[in-house]
Amino acid sequence: MLQVSLDTSFLITFADPERPNHAVALEYFRHCLTQRIPMWLSTVAAGEFEVGQPVSDLPLQNFRIQPYNLPHAIRAAALFRANREDSASPVEDRRPIIINDLKILAQAEDDGIPVILTEDRNTLSHLTDRLRERGQVNVRVLLLSEGFTPSRIAAPAQDELRLPPSSTPS
């Protein structure tokens, strides 16, 4: 089933018309509404958002609330350990891990949500890619900075396909 998780940076960008990728966030939001793609709002992301702006400013009626529970905590701890033990990455490449990013990623993975919409290229995207390479997660991130590409919700890995250009008959 097509569904997406919305991370904190997506919510901030969605709520702030002054942010560079606000229009892209709006397009994804509208696309999910029209296509009836469930948008999951983690209570972890809601708490982070609330630090800077009331979560009640968001159109909560359009989101499915995703509580953080014990299986999510156990998955997040396993992902943290897997990332910490990643000896394949050079030390200088290890970026600080934001524990809430791990929680949101663990929730999506544990609940079978294949895509996280985000603007976070530096931590969440990098962390997810590293854990995917190790076979720890199947979740993919779609970065708002890459523009609105609705087909990537259904096939988030399409950018990884290396197909030869199609030849057209002359």
Protein backbone atom coordinates (compact mmCIF):
# COMPACT_ATOMS: atom_id res chain seq x y z
CA MET A 1 0.00 0.00 0.00
CA LEU A 2 1.29 3.44 -0.90
CA GLN A 3 1.85 5.58 2.18
CA VAL A 4 4.36 8.15 3.37
CA SER A 5 5.82 9.36 6.63
CA LEU A 6 6.38 13.09 7.10
CA ASP A 7 9.47 14.09 8.99
CA THR A 8 9.95 17.30 10.94
CA SER A 9 11.78 19.16 8.19
CA PHE A 10 8.91 18.40 5.79
CA LEU A 11 6.40 19.80 8.30
CA ILE A 12 8.46 22.96 8.88
CA THR A 13 8.81 23.55 5.13
CA PHE A 14 5.14 22.78 4.52
CA ALA A 15 4.08 25.30 7.18
CA ASP A 16 6.44 28.13 6.16
CA PRO A 17 5.77 29.83 2.80
CA GLU A 18 9.19 31.54 3.04
CA ARG A 19 11.16 28.28 2.81
CA PRO A 20 12.65 27.48 -0.60
CA ASN A 21 10.93 24.09 -0.99
CA HIS A 22 7.53 25.15 0.37
CA ALA A 23 5.83 24.77 -3.04
CA VAL A 24 7.22 21.24 -3.43
CA ALA A 25 5.95 20.27 0.04
CA LEU A 26 2.51 21.63 -0.88
CA GLU A 27 2.52 19.64 -4.13
CA TYR A 28 3.33 16.40 -2.31
CA PHE A 29 0.64 17.15 0.28
CA ARG A 30 -1.98 17.81 -2.39
CA HIS A 31 -0.90 14.77 -4.40
CA CYS A 32 -1.24 12.51 -1.37
CA LEU A 33 -4.69 13.95 -0.64
CA THR A 34 -5.99 13.53 -4.19
CA GLN A 35 -4.49 10.05 -4.58
CA ARG A 36 -5.65 9.02 -1.08
CA ILE A 37 -2.12 8.17 -0.01
CA PRO A 38 -2.00 8.03 3.79
CA MET A 39 0.35 10.60 5.32
CA TRP A 40 1.69 9.48 8.69
CA LEU A 41 2.63 12.04 11.31
CA SER A 42 4.91 10.54 13.92
CA THR A 43 4.37 11.81 17.46
CA VAL A 44 8.16 12.24 17.50
CA ALA A 45 8.01 14.65 14.53
CA ALA A 46 4.97 16.38 16.06
CA GLY A 47 6.93 17.00 19.26
CA GLU A 48 9.90 18.40 17.35
CA PHE A 49 7.60 20.66 15.31
CA GLU A 50 5.86 21.89 18.47
CA VAL A 51 9.15 23.29 19.77
CA GLY A 52 9.03 26.03 17.12
CA GLN A 53 5.36 26.24 16.22
CA PRO A 54 2.09 24.78 17.51
CA VAL A 55 1.36 21.42 15.88
CA SER A 56 -2.27 22.58 15.77
CA ASP A 57 -1.19 24.92 12.92
CA LEU A 58 -0.94 21.83 10.72
CA PRO A 59 -3.96 20.29 8.95
CA LEU A 60 -4.03 17.40 11.44
CA GLN A 61 -7.32 16.07 10.06
CA ASN A 62 -5.40 15.04 6.91
CA PHE A 63 -2.74 13.04 8.75
CA ARG A 64 -2.74 9.67 10.45
CA ILE A 65 -1.10 10.01 13.84
CA GLN A 66 1.64 7.47 14.44
CA PRO A 67 2.36 6.93 18.15
CA TYR A 68 5.87 5.96 19.17
CA ASN A 69 5.69 2.61 20.94
CA LEU A 70 7.86 -0.18 22.33
CA PRO A 71 8.49 -2.03 19.02
CA HIS A 72 9.58 1.31 17.50
CA ALA A 73 11.95 1.91 20.42
CA ILE A 74 13.47 -1.54 20.04
CA ARG A 75 13.91 -1.03 16.28
CA ALA A 76 15.46 2.44 16.83
CA ALA A 77 17.96 0.96 19.30
CA ALA A 78 18.90 -1.76 16.80
CA LEU A 79 19.39 0.84 14.06
CA PHE A 80 21.51 2.97 16.40
CA ARG A 81 23.72 -0.02 17.19
CA ALA A 82 24.00 -0.95 13.49
CA ASN A 83 25.01 2.59 12.63
CA ARG A 84 27.49 2.82 15.52
CA GLU A 85 29.10 -0.47 14.54
CA ASP A 86 29.44 0.58 10.91
CA SER A 87 33.16 0.09 10.60
CA ALA A 88 32.96 0.29 6.82
CA SER A 89 32.56 4.06 6.98
CA PRO A 90 35.66 6.12 7.59
CA VAL A 91 35.57 7.96 10.91
CA GLU A 92 35.52 11.37 9.21
CA ASP A 93 32.38 10.32 7.32
CA ARG A 94 30.41 9.57 10.48
CA ARG A 95 28.01 12.43 10.97
CA PRO A 96 26.29 13.13 14.25
CA ILE A 97 23.17 11.02 14.59
CA ILE A 98 20.00 12.79 15.59
CA ILE A 99 18.21 10.24 17.74
CA ASN A 100 14.78 11.52 16.67
CA ASP A 101 15.68 10.81 13.04
CA LEU A 102 16.39 7.23 14.05
CA LYS A 103 13.03 7.05 15.82
CA ILE A 104 11.13 8.33 12.78
CA LEU A 105 13.06 5.95 10.51
CA ALA A 106 12.41 3.02 12.88
CA GLN A 107 8.70 3.80 12.94
CA ALA A 108 8.47 3.88 9.16
CA GLU A 109 10.45 0.65 8.82
CA ASP A 110 8.55 -1.18 11.56
CA ASP A 111 5.14 -0.08 10.25
CA GLY A 112 5.94 -0.84 6.60
CA ILE A 113 5.84 2.77 5.40
CA PRO A 114 8.17 2.75 2.38
CA VAL A 115 8.82 6.49 1.97
CA ILE A 116 9.73 9.40 4.22
CA LEU A 117 9.22 12.89 2.77
CA THR A 118 11.93 15.20 4.07
CA GLU A 119 14.08 18.22 3.47
CA ASP A 120 16.85 16.75 5.63
CA ARG A 121 19.67 15.87 3.26
CA ASN A 122 22.42 15.94 5.90
CA THR A 123 21.23 13.56 8.60
CA LEU A 124 18.07 11.58 7.84
CA SER A 125 18.85 11.00 4.18
CA HIS A 126 22.49 10.10 4.83
CA LEU A 127 21.57 7.82 7.74
CA THR A 128 18.85 6.06 5.76
CA ASP A 129 21.15 5.51 2.78
CA ARG A 130 23.87 4.05 5.00
CA LEU A 131 21.45 1.69 6.77
CA ARG A 132 19.91 0.66 3.42
CA GLU A 133 23.36 -0.25 2.11
CA ARG A 134 23.82 -2.53 5.12
CA GLY A 135 20.40 -4.13 4.61
CA GLN A 136 19.05 -2.73 7.89
CA VAL A 137 16.10 -0.82 6.38
CA ASN A 138 14.01 -0.78 3.23
CA VAL A 139 12.64 2.74 3.71
CA ARG A 140 13.70 5.43 1.25
CA VAL A 141 13.67 9.17 1.60
CA LEU A 142 12.36 11.62 -0.97
CA LEU A 143 14.08 14.97 -0.66
CA LEU A 144 12.03 18.09 -1.29
CA SER A 145 15.10 19.70 -2.83
CA GLU A 146 14.87 17.19 -5.70
CA GLY A 147 11.52 18.66 -6.73
CA PHE A 148 8.05 17.23 -7.03
CA THR A 149 8.16 13.80 -8.63
CA PRO A 150 4.97 11.99 -7.61
CA SER A 151 5.92 8.74 -9.33
CA ARG A 152 8.73 8.31 -6.80
CA ILE A 153 6.18 7.73 -4.04
CA ALA A 154 5.03 4.61 -5.86
CA ALA A 155 8.54 3.66 -7.07
CA PRO A 156 11.04 5.46 -4.82
CA ALA A 157 13.94 3.49 -6.26
CA GLN A 158 13.34 4.48 -9.87
CA ASP A 159 16.32 6.83 -9.77
CA GLU A 160 18.54 3.81 -9.10
CA LEU A 161 17.54 1.99 -12.28
CA ARG A 162 20.24 2.12 -14.89
CA LEU A 163 18.24 1.31 -18.00
CA PRO A 164 19.61 2.05 -21.44
CA PRO A 165 17.75 4.79 -23.31
CA SER A 166 14.80 3.43 -25.23
CA SER A 167 15.28 3.29 -28.94
CA THR A 168 12.49 4.59 -31.06
CA PRO A 169 11.83 3.03 -34.44
CA SER A 170 12.65 5.32 -37.34
